[in-house]
Amino acid sequence: KAGKPNEFGRAFQLGRIGGNFLIAFTSTSVRMEDKPSL
């Protein structure tokens, strides 16, 4: 992204469910890549 090509830390996979609540799914790795996480 413009202004922040890279960030440092760990990633979380978040989902939006009914009522505009968020669900934080189990973090099994630091990167939590998108494709393998679906």
All heavy atoms as atom14 arrays in JSON, in Angstrom:
{
  "sequence": "KAGKPNEFGRAFQLGRIGGNFLIAFTSTSVRMEDKPSL",
  "atom14_mask": [
    [1, 1, 1, 1, 1, 1, 1, 1, 1, 0, 0, 0, 0, 0],
    [1, 1, 1, 1, 1, 0, 0, 0, 0, 0, 0, 0, 0, 0],
    [1, 1, 1, 1, 0, 0, 0, 0, 0, 0, 0, 0, 0, 0],
    [1, 1, 1, 1, 1, 1, 1, 1, 1, 0, 0, 0, 0, 0],
    [1, 1, 1, 1, 1, 1, 1, 0, 0, 0, 0, 0, 0, 0],
    [1, 1, 1, 1, 1, 1, 1, 1, 0, 0, 0, 0, 0, 0],
    [1, 1, 1, 1, 1, 1, 1, 1, 1, 0, 0, 0, 0, 0],
    [1, 1, 1, 1, 1, 1, 1, 1, 1, 1, 1, 0, 0, 0],
    [1, 1, 1, 1, 0, 0, 0, 0, 0, 0, 0, 0, 0, 0],
    [1, 1, 1, 1, 1, 1, 1, 1, 1, 1, 1, 0, 0, 0],
    [1, 1, 1, 1, 1, 0, 0, 0, 0, 0, 0, 0, 0, 0],
    [1, 1, 1, 1, 1, 1, 1, 1, 1, 1, 1, 0, 0, 0],
    [1, 1, 1, 1, 1, 1, 1, 1, 1, 0, 0, 0, 0, 0],
    [1, 1, 1, 1, 1, 1, 1, 1, 0, 0, 0, 0, 0, 0],
    [1, 1, 1, 1, 0, 0, 0, 0, 0, 0, 0, 0, 0, 0],
    [1, 1, 1, 1, 1, 1, 1, 1, 1, 1, 1, 0, 0, 0],
    [1, 1, 1, 1, 1, 1, 1, 1, 0, 0, 0, 0, 0, 0],
    [1, 1, 1, 1, 0, 0, 0, 0, 0, 0, 0, 0, 0, 0],
    [1, 1, 1, 1, 0, 0, 0, 0, 0, 0, 0, 0, 0, 0],
    [1, 1, 1, 1, 1, 1, 1, 1, 0, 0, 0, 0, 0, 0],
    [1, 1, 1, 1, 1, 1, 1, 1, 1, 1, 1, 0, 0, 0],
    [1, 1, 1, 1, 1, 1, 1, 1, 0, 0, 0, 0, 0, 0],
    [1, 1, 1, 1, 1, 1, 1, 1, 0, 0, 0, 0, 0, 0],
    [1, 1, 1, 1, 1, 0, 0, 0, 0, 0, 0, 0, 0, 0],
    [1, 1, 1, 1, 1, 1, 1, 1, 1, 1, 1, 0, 0, 0],
    [1, 1, 1, 1, 1, 1, 1, 0, 0, 0, 0, 0, 0, 0],
    [1, 1, 1, 1, 1, 1, 0, 0, 0, 0, 0, 0, 0, 0],
    [1, 1, 1, 1, 1, 1, 1, 0, 0, 0, 0, 0, 0, 0],
    [1, 1, 1, 1, 1, 1, 0, 0, 0, 0, 0, 0, 0, 0],
    [1, 1, 1, 1, 1, 1, 1, 0, 0, 0, 0, 0, 0, 0],
    [1, 1, 1, 1, 1, 1, 1, 1, 1, 1, 1, 0, 0, 0],
    [1, 1, 1, 1, 1, 1, 1, 1, 0, 0, 0, 0, 0, 0],
    [1, 1, 1, 1, 1, 1, 1, 1, 1, 0, 0, 0, 0, 0],
    [1, 1, 1, 1, 1, 1, 1, 1, 0, 0, 0, 0, 0, 0],
    [1, 1, 1, 1, 1, 1, 1, 1, 1, 0, 0, 0, 0, 0],
    [1, 1, 1, 1, 1, 1, 1, 0, 0, 0, 0, 0, 0, 0],
    [1, 1, 1, 1, 1, 1, 0, 0, 0, 0, 0, 0, 0, 0],
    [1, 1, 1, 1, 1, 1, 1, 1, 0, 0, 0, 0, 0, 0]
  ],
  "atom14_positions": [
    [[0.84, -1.18, 0.0], [0.0, 0.0, 0.0], [0.88, 1.24, 0.0], [1.99, 1.23, 0.53], [-0.92, 0.01, 1.22], [-1.91, -1.14, 1.26], [-2.79, -1.07, 2.5], [-3.78, -2.22, 2.53], [-4.63, -2.19, 3.75], [0.0, 0.0, 0.0], [0.0, 0.0, 0.0], [0.0, 0.0, 0.0], [0.0, 0.0, 0.0], [0.0, 0.0, 0.0]],
    [[0.37, 2.31, -0.59], [1.12, 3.55, -0.62], [1.37, 4.05, 0.8], [0.45, 4.15, 1.6], [0.36, 4.61, -1.43], [0.0, 0.0, 0.0], [0.0, 0.0, 0.0], [0.0, 0.0, 0.0], [0.0, 0.0, 0.0], [0.0, 0.0, 0.0], [0.0, 0.0, 0.0], [0.0, 0.0, 0.0], [0.0, 0.0, 0.0], [0.0, 0.0, 0.0]],
    [[2.62, 4.34, 1.11], [2.95, 4.85, 2.44], [3.34, 3.77, 3.42], [4.0, 4.06, 4.41], [0.0, 0.0, 0.0], [0.0, 0.0, 0.0], [0.0, 0.0, 0.0], [0.0, 0.0, 0.0], [0.0, 0.0, 0.0], [0.0, 0.0, 0.0], [0.0, 0.0, 0.0], [0.0, 0.0, 0.0], [0.0, 0.0, 0.0], [0.0, 0.0, 0.0]],
    [[2.91, 2.53, 3.19], [3.31, 1.43, 4.08], [3.41, 0.13, 3.28], [2.53, -0.73, 3.34], [2.36, 1.29, 5.27], [0.89, 1.07, 4.93], [0.11, 0.72, 6.18], [-1.34, 0.4, 5.84], [-2.12, 0.01, 7.02], [0.0, 0.0, 0.0], [0.0, 0.0, 0.0], [0.0, 0.0, 0.0], [0.0, 0.0, 0.0], [0.0, 0.0, 0.0]],
    [[4.49, -0.01, 2.49], [4.65, -1.23, 1.7], [4.83, -2.47, 2.56], [4.44, -3.56, 2.15], [5.9, -0.94, 0.87], [6.65, 0.1, 1.65], [5.6, 0.94, 2.31], [0.0, 0.0, 0.0], [0.0, 0.0, 0.0], [0.0, 0.0, 0.0], [0.0, 0.0, 0.0], [0.0, 0.0, 0.0], [0.0, 0.0, 0.0], [0.0, 0.0, 0.0]],
    [[5.4, -2.3, 3.76], [5.63, -3.43, 4.66], [5.26, -3.05, 6.09], [5.38, -1.88, 6.48], [7.09, -3.88, 4.63], [7.53, -4.34, 3.26], [6.98, -5.27, 2.69], [8.52, -3.65, 2.7], [0.0, 0.0, 0.0], [0.0, 0.0, 0.0], [0.0, 0.0, 0.0], [0.0, 0.0, 0.0], [0.0, 0.0, 0.0], [0.0, 0.0, 0.0]],
    [[4.81, -4.05, 6.86], [4.6, -3.88, 8.29], [5.27, -5.05, 9.01], [5.49, -6.11, 8.41], [3.11, -3.81, 8.63], [2.44, -2.53, 8.18], [1.0, -2.41, 8.66], [0.44, -3.44, 9.11], [0.44, -1.31, 8.58], [0.0, 0.0, 0.0], [0.0, 0.0, 0.0], [0.0, 0.0, 0.0], [0.0, 0.0, 0.0], [0.0, 0.0, 0.0]],
    [[5.56, -4.86, 10.27], [6.26, -5.89, 11.03], [5.42, -6.26, 12.26], [4.94, -5.39, 12.98], [7.64, -5.39, 11.47], [8.56, -5.14, 10.31], [8.57, -3.93, 9.66], [9.41, -6.14, 9.87], [9.39, -3.69, 8.58], [10.26, -5.92, 8.8], [10.25, -4.7, 8.15], [0.0, 0.0, 0.0], [0.0, 0.0, 0.0], [0.0, 0.0, 0.0]],
    [[5.24, -7.53, 12.45], [4.46, -8.0, 13.59], [3.92, -9.39, 13.32], [4.6, -10.22, 12.73], [0.0, 0.0, 0.0], [0.0, 0.0, 0.0], [0.0, 0.0, 0.0], [0.0, 0.0, 0.0], [0.0, 0.0, 0.0], [0.0, 0.0, 0.0], [0.0, 0.0, 0.0], [0.0, 0.0, 0.0], [0.0, 0.0, 0.0], [0.0, 0.0, 0.0]],
    [[2.68, -9.62, 13.72], [2.01, -10.89, 13.44], [0.62, -10.58, 12.9], [0.05, -9.53, 13.18], [1.95, -11.77, 14.68], [1.02, -11.31, 15.78], [0.97, -12.33, 16.91], [0.58, -13.63, 16.4], [1.13, -14.78, 16.82], [2.07, -14.77, 17.74], [0.74, -15.93, 16.32], [0.0, 0.0, 0.0], [0.0, 0.0, 0.0], [0.0, 0.0, 0.0]],
    [[0.07, -11.5, 12.12], [-1.22, -11.29, 11.48], [-2.31, -12.11, 12.17], [-2.04, -13.17, 12.72], [-1.14, -11.66, 10.0], [0.0, 0.0, 0.0], [0.0, 0.0, 0.0], [0.0, 0.0, 0.0], [0.0, 0.0, 0.0], [0.0, 0.0, 0.0], [0.0, 0.0, 0.0], [0.0, 0.0, 0.0], [0.0, 0.0, 0.0], [0.0, 0.0, 0.0]],
    [[-3.54, -11.56, 12.12], [-4.72, -12.26, 12.62], [-5.72, -12.38, 11.48], [-5.82, -11.48, 10.65], [-5.37, -11.49, 13.78], [-4.59, -11.53, 15.06], [-3.6, -10.6, 15.31], [-4.86, -12.47, 16.03], [-2.88, -10.61, 16.49], [-4.15, -12.5, 17.21], [-3.16, -11.57, 17.45], [0.0, 0.0, 0.0], [0.0, 0.0, 0.0], [0.0, 0.0, 0.0]],
    [[-6.45, -13.49, 11.46], [-7.54, -13.65, 10.52], [-8.84, -13.29, 11.24], [-9.19, -13.9, 12.24], [-7.6, -15.1, 10.01], [-6.5, -15.47, 9.05], [-6.62, -14.78, 7.7], [-7.7, -14.28, 7.34], [-5.53, -14.73, 6.96], [0.0, 0.0, 0.0], [0.0, 0.0, 0.0], [0.0, 0.0, 0.0], [0.0, 0.0, 0.0], [0.0, 0.0, 0.0]],
    [[-9.52, -12.26, 10.72], [-10.76, -11.79, 11.33], [-11.93, -12.01, 10.37], [-11.79, -11.87, 9.15], [-10.66, -10.3, 11.66], [-9.55, -9.87, 12.62], [-9.59, -8.36, 12.82], [-9.67, -10.58, 13.95], [0.0, 0.0, 0.0], [0.0, 0.0, 0.0], [0.0, 0.0, 0.0], [0.0, 0.0, 0.0], [0.0, 0.0, 0.0], [0.0, 0.0, 0.0]],
    [[-13.08, -12.34, 10.94], [-14.3, -12.5, 10.16], [-15.4, -11.62, 10.71], [-15.46, -11.35, 11.9], [0.0, 0.0, 0.0], [0.0, 0.0, 0.0], [0.0, 0.0, 0.0], [0.0, 0.0, 0.0], [0.0, 0.0, 0.0], [0.0, 0.0, 0.0], [0.0, 0.0, 0.0], [0.0, 0.0, 0.0], [0.0, 0.0, 0.0], [0.0, 0.0, 0.0]],
    [[-16.25, -11.14, 9.81], [-17.42, -10.34, 10.21], [-18.65, -11.26, 10.17], [-18.9, -11.93, 9.18], [-17.6, -9.19, 9.23], [-18.84, -8.35, 9.44], [-19.04, -7.44, 8.24], [-20.22, -6.61, 8.36], [-20.83, -6.04, 7.32], [-20.38, -6.24, 6.1], [-21.89, -5.29, 7.5], [0.0, 0.0, 0.0], [0.0, 0.0, 0.0], [0.0, 0.0, 0.0]],
    [[-19.39, -11.28, 11.26], [-20.58, -12.12, 11.34], [-21.79, -11.24, 11.62], [-21.67, -10.02, 11.76], [-20.42, -13.21, 12.42], [-20.11, -12.58, 13.78], [-19.3, -14.18, 12.03], [-19.99, -13.61, 14.91], [0.0, 0.0, 0.0], [0.0, 0.0, 0.0], [0.0, 0.0, 0.0], [0.0, 0.0, 0.0], [0.0, 0.0, 0.0], [0.0, 0.0, 0.0]],
    [[-22.97, -11.84, 11.71], [-24.2, -11.11, 11.91], [-24.16, -10.15, 13.09], [-23.57, -10.46, 14.12], [0.0, 0.0, 0.0], [0.0, 0.0, 0.0], [0.0, 0.0, 0.0], [0.0, 0.0, 0.0], [0.0, 0.0, 0.0], [0.0, 0.0, 0.0], [0.0, 0.0, 0.0], [0.0, 0.0, 0.0], [0.0, 0.0, 0.0], [0.0, 0.0, 0.0]],
    [[-24.79, -8.98, 12.92], [-24.8, -7.98, 13.97], [-23.55, -7.13, 14.0], [-23.33, -6.37, 14.95], [0.0, 0.0, 0.0], [0.0, 0.0, 0.0], [0.0, 0.0, 0.0], [0.0, 0.0, 0.0], [0.0, 0.0, 0.0], [0.0, 0.0, 0.0], [0.0, 0.0, 0.0], [0.0, 0.0, 0.0], [0.0, 0.0, 0.0], [0.0, 0.0, 0.0]],
    [[-22.71, -7.24, 12.97], [-21.45, -6.49, 12.89], [-20.52, -6.82, 14.06], [-19.84, -5.94, 14.6], [-21.7, -4.98, 12.82], [-21.99, -4.52, 11.41], [-21.65, -5.2, 10.45], [-22.63, -3.37, 11.28], [0.0, 0.0, 0.0], [0.0, 0.0, 0.0], [0.0, 0.0, 0.0], [0.0, 0.0, 0.0], [0.0, 0.0, 0.0], [0.0, 0.0, 0.0]],
    [[-20.49, -8.09, 14.42], [-19.5, -8.57, 15.37], [-18.31, -9.14, 14.6], [-18.43, -9.53, 13.43], [-20.09, -9.65, 16.28], [-21.12, -9.13, 17.25], [-22.48, -9.19, 16.94], [-20.73, -8.6, 18.46], [-23.42, -8.71, 17.84], [-21.68, -8.13, 19.37], [-23.02, -8.18, 19.05], [0.0, 0.0, 0.0], [0.0, 0.0, 0.0], [0.0, 0.0, 0.0]],
    [[-17.17, -9.18, 15.26], [-15.97, -9.77, 14.68], [-15.66, -11.09, 15.37], [-15.92, -11.24, 16.57], [-14.77, -8.83, 14.83], [-14.77, -7.55, 14.0], [-13.55, -6.7, 14.34], [-14.81, -7.84, 12.51], [0.0, 0.0, 0.0], [0.0, 0.0, 0.0], [0.0, 0.0, 0.0], [0.0, 0.0, 0.0], [0.0, 0.0, 0.0], [0.0, 0.0, 0.0]],
    [[-15.09, -12.0, 14.63], [-14.59, -13.24, 15.21], [-13.11, -13.37, 14.85], [-12.73, -13.23, 13.69], [-15.4, -14.47, 14.7], [-14.8, -15.76, 15.28], [-15.49, -14.52, 13.2], [-15.66, -16.99, 15.01], [0.0, 0.0, 0.0], [0.0, 0.0, 0.0], [0.0, 0.0, 0.0], [0.0, 0.0, 0.0], [0.0, 0.0, 0.0], [0.0, 0.0, 0.0]],
    [[-12.28, -13.56, 15.88], [-10.84, -13.75, 15.68], [-10.57, -15.24, 15.64], [-10.73, -15.94, 16.65], [-10.05, -13.08, 16.8], [0.0, 0.0, 0.0], [0.0, 0.0, 0.0], [0.0, 0.0, 0.0], [0.0, 0.0, 0.0], [0.0, 0.0, 0.0], [0.0, 0.0, 0.0], [0.0, 0.0, 0.0], [0.0, 0.0, 0.0], [0.0, 0.0, 0.0]],
    [[-10.18, -15.73, 14.5], [-9.95, -17.15, 14.34], [-8.61, -17.56, 14.95], [-7.71, -16.73, 15.12], [-10.03, -17.55, 12.87], [-11.39, -17.36, 12.28], [-11.69, -16.24, 11.52], [-12.39, -18.29, 12.51], [-12.96, -16.06, 10.98], [-13.66, -18.12, 11.98], [-13.95, -17.0, 11.21], [0.0, 0.0, 0.0], [0.0, 0.0, 0.0], [0.0, 0.0, 0.0]],
    [[-8.47, -18.83, 15.27], [-7.27, -19.34, 15.93], [-6.03, -19.02, 15.11], [-5.97, -19.31, 13.91], [-7.38, -20.85, 16.14], [-8.54, -21.13, 16.93], [-6.14, -21.39, 16.85], [0.0, 0.0, 0.0], [0.0, 0.0, 0.0], [0.0, 0.0, 0.0], [0.0, 0.0, 0.0], [0.0, 0.0, 0.0], [0.0, 0.0, 0.0], [0.0, 0.0, 0.0]],
    [[-5.05, -18.42, 15.76], [-3.8, -18.07, 15.09], [-2.86, -19.26, 15.15], [-2.37, -19.63, 16.22], [-3.17, -16.85, 15.78], [-1.99, -16.45, 15.12], [0.0, 0.0, 0.0], [0.0, 0.0, 0.0], [0.0, 0.0, 0.0], [0.0, 0.0, 0.0], [0.0, 0.0, 0.0], [0.0, 0.0, 0.0], [0.0, 0.0, 0.0], [0.0, 0.0, 0.0]],
    [[-2.59, -19.88, 14.01], [-1.74, -21.07, 13.95], [-0.34, -20.76, 13.45], [0.53, -21.63, 13.47], [-2.37, -22.13, 13.03], [-2.6, -21.54, 11.73], [-3.7, -22.61, 13.61], [0.0, 0.0, 0.0], [0.0, 0.0, 0.0], [0.0, 0.0, 0.0], [0.0, 0.0, 0.0], [0.0, 0.0, 0.0], [0.0, 0.0, 0.0], [0.0, 0.0, 0.0]],
    [[-0.11, -19.53, 12.98], [1.22, -19.12, 12.54], [1.33, -17.61, 12.68], [0.33, -16.92, 12.9], [1.48, -19.54, 11.09], [0.7, -18.76, 10.2], [0.0, 0.0, 0.0], [0.0, 0.0, 0.0], [0.0, 0.0, 0.0], [0.0, 0.0, 0.0], [0.0, 0.0, 0.0], [0.0, 0.0, 0.0], [0.0, 0.0, 0.0], [0.0, 0.0, 0.0]],
    [[2.54, -17.1, 12.55], [2.75, -15.66, 12.69], [2.21, -14.91, 11.47], [1.61, -13.85, 11.6], [4.25, -15.35, 12.88], [4.48, -13.85, 13.0], [4.78, -16.05, 14.12], [0.0, 0.0, 0.0], [0.0, 0.0, 0.0], [0.0, 0.0, 0.0], [0.0, 0.0, 0.0], [0.0, 0.0, 0.0], [0.0, 0.0, 0.0], [0.0, 0.0, 0.0]],
    [[2.38, -15.48, 10.29], [1.97, -14.8, 9.06], [0.49, -14.97, 8.75], [-0.14, -14.06, 8.21], [2.8, -15.29, 7.88], [4.27, -14.96, 7.98], [5.0, -15.35, 6.7], [4.57, -14.54, 5.59], [5.13, -13.38, 5.25], [6.13, -12.91, 5.95], [4.69, -12.7, 4.22], [0.0, 0.0, 0.0], [0.0, 0.0, 0.0], [0.0, 0.0, 0.0]],
    [[-0.08, -16.13, 9.04], [-1.5, -16.41, 8.74], [-1.84, -15.98, 7.32], [-2.68, -15.11, 7.07], [-2.41, -15.71, 9.75], [-2.35, -16.28, 11.14], [-2.88, -18.01, 11.27], [-4.62, -17.89, 10.91], [0.0, 0.0, 0.0], [0.0, 0.0, 0.0], [0.0, 0.0, 0.0], [0.0, 0.0, 0.0], [0.0, 0.0, 0.0], [0.0, 0.0, 0.0]],
    [[-1.18, -16.61, 6.35], [-1.4, -16.29, 4.94], [-2.86, -16.49, 4.57], [-3.53, -17.4, 5.06], [-0.51, -17.16, 4.06], [0.98, -17.01, 4.32], [1.55, -15.72, 3.73], [0.78, -14.95, 3.14], [2.76, -15.51, 3.86], [0.0, 0.0, 0.0], [0.0, 0.0, 0.0], [0.0, 0.0, 0.0], [0.0, 0.0, 0.0], [0.0, 0.0, 0.0]],
    [[-3.36, -15.67, 3.64], [-4.78, -15.67, 3.32], [-5.25, -16.98, 2.67], [-6.21, -17.59, 3.15], [-5.1, -14.49, 2.4], [-4.99, -13.15, 3.11], [-4.94, -13.16, 4.35], [-4.97, -12.11, 2.44], [0.0, 0.0, 0.0], [0.0, 0.0, 0.0], [0.0, 0.0, 0.0], [0.0, 0.0, 0.0], [0.0, 0.0, 0.0], [0.0, 0.0, 0.0]],
    [[-4.62, -17.38, 1.6], [-5.11, -18.56, 0.86], [-5.17, -19.82, 1.74], [-6.21, -20.49, 1.79], [-4.22, -18.83, -0.36], [-4.55, -17.98, -1.58], [-3.73, -18.43, -2.77], [-4.03, -17.6, -4.0], [-3.58, -16.2, -3.87], [0.0, 0.0, 0.0], [0.0, 0.0, 0.0], [0.0, 0.0, 0.0], [0.0, 0.0, 0.0], [0.0, 0.0, 0.0]],
    [[-4.09, -20.17, 2.46], [-4.16, -21.39, 3.27], [-5.11, -21.28, 4.47], [-5.43, -22.29, 5.09], [-2.71, -21.58, 3.76], [-1.87, -20.73, 2.87], [-2.74, -19.59, 2.47], [0.0, 0.0, 0.0], [0.0, 0.0, 0.0], [0.0, 0.0, 0.0], [0.0, 0.0, 0.0], [0.0, 0.0, 0.0], [0.0, 0.0, 0.0], [0.0, 0.0, 0.0]],
    [[-5.53, -20.04, 4.81], [-6.35, -19.85, 6.01], [-7.84, -20.0, 5.76], [-8.61, -20.2, 6.7], [-6.08, -18.46, 6.62], [-4.75, -18.34, 7.04], [0.0, 0.0, 0.0], [0.0, 0.0, 0.0], [0.0, 0.0, 0.0], [0.0, 0.0, 0.0], [0.0, 0.0, 0.0], [0.0, 0.0, 0.0], [0.0, 0.0, 0.0], [0.0, 0.0, 0.0]],
    [[-8.28, -19.91, 4.49], [-9.72, -19.83, 4.23], [-10.46, -21.08, 4.7], [-11.45, -20.97, 5.44], [-9.97, -19.59, 2.74], [-11.45, -19.46, 2.36], [-12.12, -18.33, 3.13], [-11.61, -19.27, 0.85], [0.0, 0.0, 0.0], [0.0, 0.0, 0.0], [0.0, 0.0, 0.0], [0.0, 0.0, 0.0], [0.0, 0.0, 0.0], [0.0, 0.0, 0.0]]
  ]
}
